[in-house]
Amino acid sequence: MLKRGEAALALGKTDDAAQAFERAALILHASDAEMGLVRTTMQAGEYRRALVFAAHTAGAHLDEPEGAALYAWLLHLGGQRAIAARLLAETDAPVTRNPVVEATRRQLRAALPIASSQLMAPPTRFAPYASAPNLPATARVVGSGVLIDQGTRALVPMSAVPRSARVWLRNGVGITTRATVERYNAAEGVAILRLASPLSRNTELAIAPKDPFPGSVAYTAEYSPSGNANPAWPVMHVGFSGATMGNGVQRHLGFDLPPGPRGGPVFDAAGRFIGIAIRGSGSQDQLVTASRLQQGAGTRLGRVNPAPPSPSMAIDQVYESALQLTVQVIVSAK
């Protein structure tokens, strides 16, 4: 049942994978079947349910600390870093060091965690499986972007997609597609890409009606750049929106992020899109606001959500939206 579930998950058949892992869990109450369910739920885009399953696995199988490592990884990615660090500190006694736990500790101490080869093997596997197409050996992840126009287009940093490159996009549940540059917007530093096939068609970008005021809560999600094209789950950061610059148009992002190419979406406390993070000319990153992006993308950007159900959204709910809206930008030379 475990092998059947893993094979189905690798093909993106999450319903079949869930059935197989559930049957395996009925045969034996063990962490490997439960971690399979956690990863299946993540690949279905259900981060909040995955956290519940992961919490059970970590607490019910103290003698198998890989489950706690997976739970800590998911907490860290979702912006709950202090809780993830405390969980790892209480896991795995020093006399019986577990290699998966140790690898997890090393990565989560890094500025941008990347699932190493040791963390990509089942039953843990800290990443989704990638769908077709097969990518060339020279392909690599160079940055992040955000889906717009009901998953048929994307906004990415202009610097990430030179005219001489082939481009693919992949969301946090592993779905991959080719993309071509439709238009460069030099004034904003972004490019609009058209996708060969839609990603996350049922996930529409909800836009805040106003630009954020300085000091308001903000979330941003992005992928760690790497020397390969491996699939991954995005990393979310939490901070406070910055003020406008001297020209009154450009804005500081407002909070420090690890060095990187940027390009991920930025959300307000209600989980609404307020812009895209790009690298600034100086030491501070910038926020290209949704209002500025609408001038170039128009109604393709998404729908304005003037009255959210709640003035604030739980952090895990924000991440669940970001999981499918945030895309890896993958390039290879032509």
C-alpha atoms as a PDB file:
ATOM      1  CA  MET A   1       0.000   0.000   0.000  1.00  0.00           C
ATOM      2  CA  LEU A   2       2.865   2.397   0.754  1.00  0.00           C
ATOM      3  CA  LYS A   3       4.443   1.758  -2.647  1.00  0.00           C
ATOM      4  CA  ARG A   4       1.090   2.142  -4.360  1.00  0.00           C
ATOM      5  CA  GLY A   5       0.433   5.419  -2.570  1.00  0.00           C
ATOM      6  CA  GLU A   6       3.877   6.792  -3.423  1.00  0.00           C
ATOM      7  CA  ALA A   7       3.480   5.843  -7.094  1.00  0.00           C
ATOM      8  CA  ALA A   8       0.080   7.553  -7.275  1.00  0.00           C
ATOM      9  CA  LEU A   9       1.435  10.663  -5.590  1.00  0.00           C
ATOM     10  CA  ALA A  10       4.328  10.835  -8.053  1.00  0.00           C
ATOM     11  CA  LEU A  11       1.734  10.872 -10.865  1.00  0.00           C
ATOM     12  CA  GLY A  12      -0.264  13.636  -9.182  1.00  0.00           C
ATOM     13  CA  LYS A  13      -3.195  11.321  -8.402  1.00  0.00           C
ATOM     14  CA  THR A  14      -3.825  12.603  -4.897  1.00  0.00           C
ATOM     15  CA  ASP A  15      -7.167  10.801  -4.406  1.00  0.00           C
ATOM     16  CA  ASP A  16      -5.609   7.418  -5.237  1.00  0.00           C
ATOM     17  CA  ALA A  17      -2.585   8.204  -3.062  1.00  0.00           C
ATOM     18  CA  ALA A  18      -4.800   9.128  -0.103  1.00  0.00           C
ATOM     19  CA  GLN A  19      -6.750   5.868  -0.366  1.00  0.00           C
ATOM     20  CA  ALA A  20      -3.564   3.789  -0.461  1.00  0.00           C
ATOM     21  CA  PHE A  21      -1.922   5.575   2.476  1.00  0.00           C
ATOM     22  CA  GLU A  22      -5.144   5.356   4.507  1.00  0.00           C
ATOM     23  CA  ARG A  23      -5.309   1.587   3.907  1.00  0.00           C
ATOM     24  CA  ALA A  24      -1.646   1.294   4.907  1.00  0.00           C
ATOM     25  CA  ALA A  25      -2.392   3.198   8.130  1.00  0.00           C
ATOM     26  CA  LEU A  26      -5.219   0.768   8.919  1.00  0.00           C
ATOM     27  CA  ILE A  27      -2.857  -2.174   8.518  1.00  0.00           C
ATOM     28  CA  LEU A  28      -0.219  -0.655  10.817  1.00  0.00           C
ATOM     29  CA  HIS A  29      -0.274   2.527  12.912  1.00  0.00           C
ATOM     30  CA  ALA A  30       3.117   3.810  11.753  1.00  0.00           C
ATOM     31  CA  SER A  31       4.559   7.202  10.842  1.00  0.00           C
ATOM     32  CA  ASP A  32       5.477   6.352   7.229  1.00  0.00           C
ATOM     33  CA  ALA A  33       1.826   5.960   6.182  1.00  0.00           C
ATOM     34  CA  GLU A  34       0.855   9.110   8.073  1.00  0.00           C
ATOM     35  CA  MET A  35       3.671  11.130   6.496  1.00  0.00           C
ATOM     36  CA  GLY A  36       2.386   9.915   3.144  1.00  0.00           C
ATOM     37  CA  LEU A  37      -1.003  11.383   4.031  1.00  0.00           C
ATOM     38  CA  VAL A  38       0.611  14.657   5.081  1.00  0.00           C
ATOM     39  CA  ARG A  39       2.421  14.966   1.756  1.00  0.00           C
ATOM     40  CA  THR A  40      -0.672  13.927  -0.199  1.00  0.00           C
ATOM     41  CA  THR A  41      -2.675  16.649   1.497  1.00  0.00           C
ATOM     42  CA  MET A  42       0.058  19.198   0.717  1.00  0.00           C
ATOM     43  CA  GLN A  43       0.096  18.134  -2.939  1.00  0.00           C
ATOM     44  CA  ALA A  44      -3.674  18.643  -2.994  1.00  0.00           C
ATOM     45  CA  GLY A  45      -3.057  22.244  -1.855  1.00  0.00           C
ATOM     46  CA  GLU A  46      -4.534  21.773   1.635  1.00  0.00           C
ATOM     47  CA  TYR A  47      -1.850  23.167   3.917  1.00  0.00           C
ATOM     48  CA  ARG A  48      -4.108  23.558   6.946  1.00  0.00           C
ATOM     49  CA  ARG A  49      -5.196  19.892   6.885  1.00  0.00           C
ATOM     50  CA  ALA A  50      -1.580  18.851   6.335  1.00  0.00           C
ATOM     51  CA  LEU A  51      -0.585  20.669   9.531  1.00  0.00           C
ATOM     52  CA  VAL A  52      -3.235  18.759  11.488  1.00  0.00           C
ATOM     53  CA  PHE A  53      -2.032  15.398  10.158  1.00  0.00           C
ATOM     54  CA  ALA A  54       1.604  16.369  10.743  1.00  0.00           C
ATOM     55  CA  ALA A  55       0.910  17.416  14.337  1.00  0.00           C
ATOM     56  CA  HIS A  56      -0.685  14.022  15.026  1.00  0.00           C
ATOM     57  CA  THR A  57       2.238  12.170  13.421  1.00  0.00           C
ATOM     58  CA  ALA A  58       4.802  14.142  15.443  1.00  0.00           C
ATOM     59  CA  GLY A  59       2.968  13.556  18.729  1.00  0.00           C
ATOM     60  CA  ALA A  60       1.922   9.942  18.238  1.00  0.00           C
ATOM     61  CA  HIS A  61       5.281   8.560  17.062  1.00  0.00           C
ATOM     62  CA  LEU A  62       7.912   9.956  19.383  1.00  0.00           C
ATOM     63  CA  ASP A  63      10.180   7.008  18.578  1.00  0.00           C
ATOM     64  CA  GLU A  64      10.176   7.989  14.880  1.00  0.00           C
ATOM     65  CA  PRO A  65      11.323  11.639  14.840  1.00  0.00           C
ATOM     66  CA  GLU A  66      11.111  12.023  11.049  1.00  0.00           C
ATOM     67  CA  GLY A  67       7.444  12.941  11.521  1.00  0.00           C
ATOM     68  CA  ALA A  68       8.406  15.767  13.874  1.00  0.00           C
ATOM     69  CA  ALA A  69      10.998  16.969  11.350  1.00  0.00           C
ATOM     70  CA  LEU A  70       8.351  17.128   8.614  1.00  0.00           C
ATOM     71  CA  TYR A  71       5.992  19.003  10.943  1.00  0.00           C
ATOM     72  CA  ALA A  72       8.717  21.515  11.829  1.00  0.00           C
ATOM     73  CA  TRP A  73       9.498  22.017   8.138  1.00  0.00           C
ATOM     74  CA  LEU A  74       5.871  22.816   7.351  1.00  0.00           C
ATOM     75  CA  LEU A  75       5.584  25.190  10.311  1.00  0.00           C
ATOM     76  CA  HIS A  76       8.746  27.008   9.235  1.00  0.00           C
ATOM     77  CA  LEU A  77       7.539  27.377   5.655  1.00  0.00           C
ATOM     78  CA  GLY A  78       4.253  28.812   6.902  1.00  0.00           C
ATOM     79  CA  GLY A  79       5.965  31.585   8.865  1.00  0.00           C
ATOM     80  CA  GLN A  80       5.805  29.932  12.307  1.00  0.00           C
ATOM     81  CA  ARG A  81       9.556  29.763  12.767  1.00  0.00           C
ATOM     82  CA  ALA A  82       9.755  30.045  16.554  1.00  0.00           C
ATOM     83  CA  ILE A  83       7.388  27.106  17.041  1.00  0.00           C
ATOM     84  CA  ALA A  84       9.291  25.045  14.441  1.00  0.00           C
ATOM     85  CA  ALA A  85      12.621  25.749  16.168  1.00  0.00           C
ATOM     86  CA  ARG A  86      11.248  24.786  19.579  1.00  0.00           C
ATOM     87  CA  LEU A  87       9.802  21.571  18.180  1.00  0.00           C
ATOM     88  CA  LEU A  88      13.141  20.573  16.672  1.00  0.00           C
ATOM     89  CA  ALA A  89      14.977  21.480  19.887  1.00  0.00           C
ATOM     90  CA  GLU A  90      12.775  19.023  21.781  1.00  0.00           C
ATOM     91  CA  THR A  91      13.111  16.276  19.158  1.00  0.00           C
ATOM     92  CA  ASP A  92      15.678  13.506  18.942  1.00  0.00           C
ATOM     93  CA  ALA A  93      17.877  13.055  22.018  1.00  0.00           C
ATOM     94  CA  PRO A  94      21.588  13.818  21.428  1.00  0.00           C
ATOM     95  CA  VAL A  95      22.615  10.203  22.039  1.00  0.00           C
ATOM     96  CA  THR A  96      20.484   8.991  19.113  1.00  0.00           C
ATOM     97  CA  ARG A  97      20.933  11.656  16.449  1.00  0.00           C
ATOM     98  CA  ASN A  98      18.585  11.125  13.523  1.00  0.00           C
ATOM     99  CA  PRO A  99      20.015  12.102  10.100  1.00  0.00           C
ATOM    100  CA  VAL A 100      16.701  13.506   8.824  1.00  0.00           C
ATOM    101  CA  VAL A 101      16.269  15.639  11.944  1.00  0.00           C
ATOM    102  CA  GLU A 102      19.861  16.873  11.707  1.00  0.00           C
ATOM    103  CA  ALA A 103      19.467  17.749   8.013  1.00  0.00           C
ATOM    104  CA  THR A 104      16.243  19.588   8.835  1.00  0.00           C
ATOM    105  CA  ARG A 105      17.983  21.584  11.570  1.00  0.00           C
ATOM    106  CA  ARG A 106      20.768  22.616   9.196  1.00  0.00           C
ATOM    107  CA  GLN A 107      18.391  23.768   6.482  1.00  0.00           C
ATOM    108  CA  LEU A 108      16.069  25.671   8.782  1.00  0.00           C
ATOM    109  CA  ARG A 109      19.038  27.570  10.197  1.00  0.00           C
ATOM    110  CA  ALA A 110      19.932  28.691   6.669  1.00  0.00           C
ATOM    111  CA  ALA A 111      18.618  31.942   5.217  1.00  0.00           C
ATOM    112  CA  LEU A 112      16.776  30.068   2.468  1.00  0.00           C
ATOM    113  CA  PRO A 113      16.033  26.410   3.275  1.00  0.00           C
ATOM    114  CA  ILE A 114      16.325  23.934   0.408  1.00  0.00           C
ATOM    115  CA  ALA A 115      15.287  20.298   0.659  1.00  0.00           C
ATOM    116  CA  SER A 116      18.597  18.498   0.171  1.00  0.00           C
ATOM    117  CA  SER A 117      18.852  15.056  -1.426  1.00  0.00           C
ATOM    118  CA  GLN A 118      18.533  13.483   2.010  1.00  0.00           C
ATOM    119  CA  LEU A 119      15.220  15.301   2.529  1.00  0.00           C
ATOM    120  CA  MET A 120      13.792  14.411  -0.886  1.00  0.00           C
ATOM    121  CA  ALA A 121      13.425  10.675  -0.339  1.00  0.00           C
ATOM    122  CA  PRO A 122      10.184   9.034   0.835  1.00  0.00           C
ATOM    123  CA  PRO A 123       8.638   8.629   3.297  1.00  0.00           C
ATOM    124  CA  THR A 124       9.592  12.161   4.391  1.00  0.00           C
ATOM    125  CA  ARG A 125      10.243  14.033   1.094  1.00  0.00           C
ATOM    126  CA  PHE A 126       9.968  17.715   1.946  1.00  0.00           C
ATOM    127  CA  ALA A 127       8.629  18.717  -1.488  1.00  0.00           C
ATOM    128  CA  PRO A 128       5.841  17.902  -3.948  1.00  0.00           C
ATOM    129  CA  TYR A 129       6.327  15.728  -6.998  1.00  0.00           C
ATOM    130  CA  ALA A 130       6.587  17.651 -10.262  1.00  0.00           C
ATOM    131  CA  SER A 131       4.272  17.035 -13.174  1.00  0.00           C
ATOM    132  CA  ALA A 132       5.327  16.913 -16.838  1.00  0.00           C
ATOM    133  CA  PRO A 133       6.966  18.272 -18.912  1.00  0.00           C
ATOM    134  CA  ASN A 134      10.449  16.927 -18.425  1.00  0.00           C
ATOM    135  CA  LEU A 135      12.917  19.773 -18.076  1.00  0.00           C
ATOM    136  CA  PRO A 136      16.411  19.942 -19.596  1.00  0.00           C
ATOM    137  CA  ALA A 137      19.375  19.210 -17.357  1.00  0.00           C
ATOM    138  CA  THR A 138      20.413  22.881 -17.558  1.00  0.00           C
ATOM    139  CA  ALA A 139      17.111  24.155 -16.120  1.00  0.00           C
ATOM    140  CA  ARG A 140      17.253  25.869 -12.737  1.00  0.00           C
ATOM    141  CA  VAL A 141      14.986  27.826 -10.396  1.00  0.00           C
ATOM    142  CA  VAL A 142      15.894  31.523 -10.630  1.00  0.00           C
ATOM    143  CA  GLY A 143      13.089  33.222  -8.735  1.00  0.00           C
ATOM    144  CA  SER A 144       9.402  33.464  -7.946  1.00  0.00           C
ATOM    145  CA  GLY A 145       6.252  34.861  -9.492  1.00  0.00           C
ATOM    146  CA  VAL A 146       2.515  35.117  -8.909  1.00  0.00           C
ATOM    147  CA  LEU A 147      -0.361  33.764 -10.992  1.00  0.00           C
ATOM    148  CA  ILE A 148      -2.932  36.195 -12.386  1.00  0.00           C
ATOM    149  CA  ASP A 149      -5.853  36.035 -14.823  1.00  0.00           C
ATOM    150  CA  GLN A 150      -7.229  32.811 -13.256  1.00  0.00           C
ATOM    151  CA  GLY A 151      -3.921  31.000 -13.625  1.00  0.00           C
ATOM    152  CA  THR A 152      -3.421  31.712 -17.333  1.00  0.00           C
ATOM    153  CA  ARG A 153      -0.737  34.385 -16.849  1.00  0.00           C
ATOM    154  CA  ALA A 154       1.905  35.291 -14.278  1.00  0.00           C
ATOM    155  CA  LEU A 155       3.838  38.295 -13.042  1.00  0.00           C
ATOM    156  CA  VAL A 156       7.567  37.747 -12.515  1.00  0.00           C
ATOM    157  CA  PRO A 157      10.615  40.012 -12.093  1.00  0.00           C
ATOM    158  CA  MET A 158      11.763  41.205 -15.497  1.00  0.00           C
ATOM    159  CA  SER A 159      15.373  40.333 -14.636  1.00  0.00           C
ATOM    160  CA  ALA A 160      14.451  36.644 -14.179  1.00  0.00           C
ATOM    161  CA  VAL A 161      13.302  36.047 -17.764  1.00  0.00           C
ATOM    162  CA  PRO A 162      15.830  37.257 -20.358  1.00  0.00           C
ATOM    163  CA  ARG A 163      14.759  37.033 -23.978  1.00  0.00           C
ATOM    164  CA  SER A 164      17.361  34.356 -24.628  1.00  0.00           C
ATOM    165  CA  ALA A 165      15.875  31.835 -22.153  1.00  0.00           C
ATOM    166  CA  ARG A 166      13.218  29.150 -22.216  1.00  0.00           C
ATOM    167  CA  VAL A 167      10.856  29.507 -19.266  1.00  0.00           C
ATOM    168  CA  TRP A 168       8.658  27.186 -17.208  1.00  0.00           C
ATOM    169  CA  LEU A 169       6.497  27.915 -14.196  1.00  0.00           C
ATOM    170  CA  ARG A 170       5.571  25.536 -11.371  1.00  0.00           C
ATOM    171  CA  ASN A 171       3.258  26.088  -8.417  1.00  0.00           C
ATOM    172  CA  GLY A 172       3.545  24.694  -4.901  1.00  0.00           C
ATOM    173  CA  VAL A 173       1.602  21.525  -5.695  1.00  0.00           C
ATOM    174  CA  GLY A 174       4.075  20.551  -8.427  1.00  0.00           C
ATOM    175  CA  ILE A 175       2.107  21.433 -11.580  1.00  0.00           C
ATOM    176  CA  THR A 176       4.500  22.630 -14.287  1.00  0.00           C
ATOM    177  CA  THR A 177       3.948  24.347 -17.622  1.00  0.00           C
ATOM    178  CA  ARG A 178       5.837  26.256 -20.310  1.00  0.00           C
ATOM    179  CA  ALA A 179       5.527  30.028 -20.373  1.00  0.00           C
ATOM    180  CA  THR A 180       6.429  32.794 -22.807  1.00  0.00           C
ATOM    181  CA  VAL A 181       6.948  36.486 -22.216  1.00  0.00           C
ATOM    182  CA  GLU A 182       3.887  38.419 -23.333  1.00  0.00           C
ATOM    183  CA  ARG A 183       5.100  41.850 -22.292  1.00  0.00           C
ATOM    184  CA  TYR A 184       7.874  43.566 -20.349  1.00  0.00           C
ATOM    185  CA  ASN A 185       6.944  46.424 -18.047  1.00  0.00           C
ATOM    186  CA  ALA A 186      10.222  48.234 -17.534  1.00  0.00           C
ATOM    187  CA  ALA A 187       8.683  50.973 -15.391  1.00  0.00           C
ATOM    188  CA  GLU A 188       7.628  48.444 -12.755  1.00  0.00           C
ATOM    189  CA  GLY A 189      10.463  45.946 -13.306  1.00  0.00           C
ATOM    190  CA  VAL A 190       8.095  43.057 -14.019  1.00  0.00           C
ATOM    191  CA  ALA A 191       7.137  40.898 -16.977  1.00  0.00           C
ATOM    192  CA  ILE A 192       3.768  39.342 -17.835  1.00  0.00           C
ATOM    193  CA  LEU A 193       4.063  35.717 -18.912  1.00  0.00           C
ATOM    194  CA  ARG A 194       1.459  33.708 -20.799  1.00  0.00           C
ATOM    195  CA  LEU A 195       1.180  30.062 -19.715  1.00  0.00           C
ATOM    196  CA  ALA A 196       0.900  27.185 -22.182  1.00  0.00           C
ATOM    197  CA  SER A 197      -1.722  25.634 -19.891  1.00  0.00           C
ATOM    198  CA  PRO A 198      -3.444  27.180 -16.851  1.00  0.00           C
ATOM    199  CA  LEU A 199      -2.189  26.626 -13.326  1.00  0.00           C
ATOM    200  CA  SER A 200      -4.656  26.693 -10.441  1.00  0.00           C
ATOM    201  CA  ARG A 201      -7.608  27.809 -12.553  1.00  0.00           C
ATOM    202  CA  ASN A 202      -9.912  27.754  -9.537  1.00  0.00           C
ATOM    203  CA  THR A 203      -7.678  30.057  -7.495  1.00  0.00           C
ATOM    204  CA  GLU A 204      -8.361  33.694  -8.339  1.00  0.00           C
ATOM    205  CA  LEU A 205      -6.191  36.503  -7.023  1.00  0.00           C
ATOM    206  CA  ALA A 206      -8.188  38.653  -4.584  1.00  0.00           C
ATOM    207  CA  ILE A 207      -6.853  42.221  -4.669  1.00  0.00           C
ATOM    208  CA  ALA A 208      -6.965  44.735  -1.836  1.00  0.00           C
ATOM    209  CA  PRO A 209      -8.918  47.885  -2.806  1.00  0.00           C
ATOM    210  CA  LYS A 210      -6.217  50.223  -1.455  1.00  0.00           C
ATOM    211  CA  ASP A 211      -2.469  50.219  -1.132  1.00  0.00           C
ATOM    212  CA  PRO A 212      -1.284  49.160   2.334  1.00  0.00           C
ATOM    213  CA  PHE A 213      -0.538  51.860   4.864  1.00  0.00           C
ATOM    214  CA  PRO A 214       2.992  51.864   6.322  1.00  0.00           C
ATOM    215  CA  GLY A 215       3.311  49.579   9.320  1.00  0.00           C
ATOM    216  CA  SER A 216       0.402  47.306   8.438  1.00  0.00           C
ATOM    217  CA  VAL A 217       0.889  43.534   8.600  1.00  0.00           C
ATOM    218  CA  ALA A 218       2.157  41.936   5.385  1.00  0.00           C
ATOM    219  CA  TYR A 219       3.040  38.429   4.231  1.00  0.00           C
ATOM    220  CA  THR A 220       5.188  37.434   1.280  1.00  0.00           C
ATOM    221  CA  ALA A 221       5.898  33.991  -0.176  1.00  0.00           C
ATOM    222  CA  GLU A 222       8.817  32.980  -2.354  1.00  0.00           C
ATOM    223  CA  TYR A 223      10.919  30.025  -3.450  1.00  0.00           C
ATOM    224  CA  SER A 224      14.558  29.444  -2.709  1.00  0.00           C
ATOM    225  CA  PRO A 225      16.670  29.753  -5.888  1.00  0.00           C
ATOM    226  CA  SER A 226      18.727  26.649  -6.593  1.00  0.00           C
ATOM    227  CA  GLY A 227      21.178  25.187  -9.037  1.00  0.00           C
ATOM    228  CA  ASN A 228      18.545  22.726 -10.243  1.00  0.00           C
ATOM    229  CA  ALA A 229      14.866  22.628 -11.158  1.00  0.00           C
ATOM    230  CA  ASN A 230      13.625  20.519  -8.240  1.00  0.00           C
ATOM    231  CA  PRO A 231      10.047  21.165  -7.082  1.00  0.00           C
ATOM    232  CA  ALA A 232       9.543  22.811  -3.711  1.00  0.00           C
ATOM    233  CA  TRP A 233       7.040  24.393  -1.364  1.00  0.00           C
ATOM    234  CA  PRO A 234       7.258  28.190  -0.993  1.00  0.00           C
ATOM    235  CA  VAL A 235       8.609  29.915   2.107  1.00  0.00           C
ATOM    236  CA  MET A 236       6.476  32.609   3.739  1.00  0.00           C
ATOM    237  CA  HIS A 237       7.825  35.651   5.590  1.00  0.00           C
ATOM    238  CA  VAL A 238       5.915  37.981   7.902  1.00  0.00           C
ATOM    239  CA  GLY A 239       6.552  41.677   8.479  1.00  0.00           C
ATOM    240  CA  PHE A 240       5.158  45.186   8.164  1.00  0.00           C
ATOM    241  CA  SER A 241       4.601  47.250   5.025  1.00  0.00           C
ATOM    242  CA  GLY A 242       7.101  50.002   4.253  1.00  0.00           C
ATOM    243  CA  ALA A 243       6.644  53.634   3.339  1.00  0.00           C
ATOM    244  CA  THR A 244       6.890  55.299  -0.045  1.00  0.00           C
ATOM    245  CA  MET A 245      10.252  56.481  -1.303  1.00  0.00           C
ATOM    246  CA  GLY A 246      11.214  60.041  -2.043  1.00  0.00           C
ATOM    247  CA  ASN A 247       9.517  60.058  -5.440  1.00  0.00           C
ATOM    248  CA  GLY A 248       6.180  59.173  -3.832  1.00  0.00           C
ATOM    249  CA  VAL A 249       5.608  56.279  -6.268  1.00  0.00           C
ATOM    250  CA  GLN A 250       7.984  53.486  -5.352  1.00  0.00           C
ATOM    251  CA  ARG A 251       7.688  51.822  -1.955  1.00  0.00           C
ATOM    252  CA  HIS A 252       9.971  49.960   0.364  1.00  0.00           C
ATOM    253  CA  LEU A 253       8.866  46.402   1.058  1.00  0.00           C
ATOM    254  CA  GLY A 254       9.307  47.246   4.726  1.00  0.00           C
ATOM    255  CA  PHE A 255      10.866  44.111   6.184  1.00  0.00           C
ATOM    256  CA  ASP A 256      14.107  42.240   5.691  1.00  0.00           C
ATOM    257  CA  LEU A 257      14.215  39.086   3.600  1.00  0.00           C
ATOM    258  CA  PRO A 258      17.137  36.734   2.945  1.00  0.00           C
ATOM    259  CA  PRO A 259      19.164  37.730  -0.133  1.00  0.00           C
ATOM    260  CA  GLY A 260      17.405  36.468  -3.236  1.00  0.00           C
ATOM    261  CA  PRO A 261      15.865  37.296  -6.599  1.00  0.00           C
ATOM    262  CA  ARG A 262      12.391  38.056  -5.154  1.00  0.00           C
ATOM    263  CA  GLY A 263       9.215  38.026  -7.269  1.00  0.00           C
ATOM    264  CA  GLY A 264       6.781  36.526  -4.784  1.00  0.00           C
ATOM    265  CA  PRO A 265       3.324  37.940  -4.019  1.00  0.00           C
ATOM    266  CA  VAL A 266       2.698  40.137  -0.970  1.00  0.00           C
ATOM    267  CA  PHE A 267      -0.586  39.874   0.969  1.00  0.00           C
ATOM    268  CA  ASP A 268      -2.239  42.001   3.629  1.00  0.00           C
ATOM    269  CA  ALA A 269      -3.606  40.777   6.972  1.00  0.00           C
ATOM    270  CA  ALA A 270      -6.853  39.715   5.245  1.00  0.00           C
ATOM    271  CA  GLY A 271      -4.952  37.590   2.727  1.00  0.00           C
ATOM    272  CA  ARG A 272      -5.567  40.007  -0.167  1.00  0.00           C
ATOM    273  CA  PHE A 273      -2.928  40.733  -2.794  1.00  0.00           C
ATOM    274  CA  ILE A 274      -1.200  44.082  -2.281  1.00  0.00           C
ATOM    275  CA  GLY A 275       1.726  43.724  -4.689  1.00  0.00           C
ATOM    276  CA  ILE A 276       4.856  41.876  -5.702  1.00  0.00           C
ATOM    277  CA  ALA A 277       8.264  41.997  -4.038  1.00  0.00           C
ATOM    278  CA  ILE A 278      11.205  42.894  -6.256  1.00  0.00           C
ATOM    279  CA  ARG A 279      14.857  43.618  -5.609  1.00  0.00           C
ATOM    280  CA  GLY A 280      15.590  47.276  -4.999  1.00  0.00           C
ATOM    281  CA  SER A 281      18.473  49.257  -6.401  1.00  0.00           C
ATOM    282  CA  GLY A 282      19.882  49.677  -2.898  1.00  0.00           C
ATOM    283  CA  SER A 283      19.920  47.415   0.124  1.00  0.00           C
ATOM    284  CA  GLN A 284      16.139  47.412   0.614  1.00  0.00           C
ATOM    285  CA  ASP A 285      13.660  45.410  -1.418  1.00  0.00           C
ATOM    286  CA  GLN A 286      10.729  47.156  -3.018  1.00  0.00           C
ATOM    287  CA  LEU A 287       6.996  46.548  -3.192  1.00  0.00           C
ATOM    288  CA  VAL A 288       5.368  47.097  -6.582  1.00  0.00           C
ATOM    289  CA  THR A 289       1.825  47.742  -5.406  1.00  0.00           C
ATOM    290  CA  ALA A 290      -1.278  46.167  -6.892  1.00  0.00           C
ATOM    291  CA  SER A 291      -2.531  49.605  -7.953  1.00  0.00           C
ATOM    292  CA  ARG A 292       0.589  50.121 -10.082  1.00  0.00           C
ATOM    293  CA  LEU A 293       0.357  46.610 -11.516  1.00  0.00           C
ATOM    294  CA  GLN A 294      -3.282  47.172 -12.473  1.00  0.00           C
ATOM    295  CA  GLN A 295      -2.189  50.008 -14.729  1.00  0.00           C
ATOM    296  CA  GLY A 296      -0.338  47.481 -16.900  1.00  0.00           C
ATOM    297  CA  ALA A 297      -2.371  44.314 -16.387  1.00  0.00           C
ATOM    298  CA  GLY A 298      -5.849  45.778 -15.964  1.00  0.00           C
ATOM    299  CA  THR A 299      -8.643  43.368 -15.048  1.00  0.00           C
ATOM    300  CA  ARG A 300      -6.366  40.424 -15.810  1.00  0.00           C
ATOM    301  CA  LEU A 301      -4.700  40.960 -12.463  1.00  0.00           C
ATOM    302  CA  GLY A 302      -7.712  39.659 -10.541  1.00  0.00           C
ATOM    303  CA  ARG A 303     -10.809  40.847  -8.730  1.00  0.00           C
ATOM    304  CA  VAL A 304     -10.883  43.576  -6.104  1.00  0.00           C
ATOM    305  CA  ASN A 305     -12.078  42.300  -2.730  1.00  0.00           C
ATOM    306  CA  PRO A 306     -13.266  45.439  -0.894  1.00  0.00           C
ATOM    307  CA  ALA A 307     -14.910  43.743   2.083  1.00  0.00           C
ATOM    308  CA  PRO A 308     -13.147  40.569   3.280  1.00  0.00           C
ATOM    309  CA  PRO A 309     -15.115  38.215   5.574  1.00  0.00           C
ATOM    310  CA  SER A 310     -12.675  39.077   8.359  1.00  0.00           C
ATOM    311  CA  PRO A 311     -10.210  41.972   8.777  1.00  0.00           C
ATOM    312  CA  SER A 312      -7.507  39.400   9.430  1.00  0.00           C
ATOM    313  CA  MET A 313      -6.804  35.868   8.256  1.00  0.00           C
ATOM    314  CA  ALA A 314      -4.999  33.067  10.065  1.00  0.00           C
ATOM    315  CA  ILE A 315      -1.410  32.750   8.946  1.00  0.00           C
ATOM    316  CA  ASP A 316      -1.887  29.136   7.831  1.00  0.00           C
ATOM    317  CA  GLN A 317      -4.829  30.209   5.670  1.00  0.00           C
ATOM    318  CA  VAL A 318      -2.688  32.854   3.956  1.00  0.00           C
ATOM    319  CA  TYR A 319      -0.041  30.243   3.231  1.00  0.00           C
ATOM    320  CA  GLU A 320      -2.615  27.844   1.809  1.00  0.00           C
ATOM    321  CA  SER A 321      -3.576  30.491  -0.755  1.00  0.00           C
ATOM    322  CA  ALA A 322       0.062  31.273  -1.504  1.00  0.00           C
ATOM    323  CA  LEU A 323       0.821  27.585  -2.078  1.00  0.00           C
ATOM    324  CA  GLN A 324      -0.991  27.587  -5.410  1.00  0.00           C
ATOM    325  CA  LEU A 325      -0.641  31.257  -6.386  1.00  0.00           C
ATOM    326  CA  THR A 326       3.145  31.493  -5.946  1.00  0.00           C
ATOM    327  CA  VAL A 327       5.197  29.909  -8.737  1.00  0.00           C
ATOM    328  CA  GLN A 328       8.776  28.876  -9.266  1.00  0.00           C
ATOM    329  CA  VAL A 329      10.372  30.603 -12.254  1.00  0.00           C
ATOM    330  CA  ILE A 330      12.499  28.016 -14.056  1.00  0.00           C
ATOM    331  CA  VAL A 331      14.780  28.952 -16.954  1.00  0.00           C
ATOM    332  CA  SER A 332      17.161  27.226 -19.334  1.00  0.00           C
ATOM    333  CA  ALA A 333      19.267  28.672 -22.113  1.00  0.00           C
ATOM    334  CA  LYS A 334      17.851  28.216 -25.617  1.00  0.00           C
END
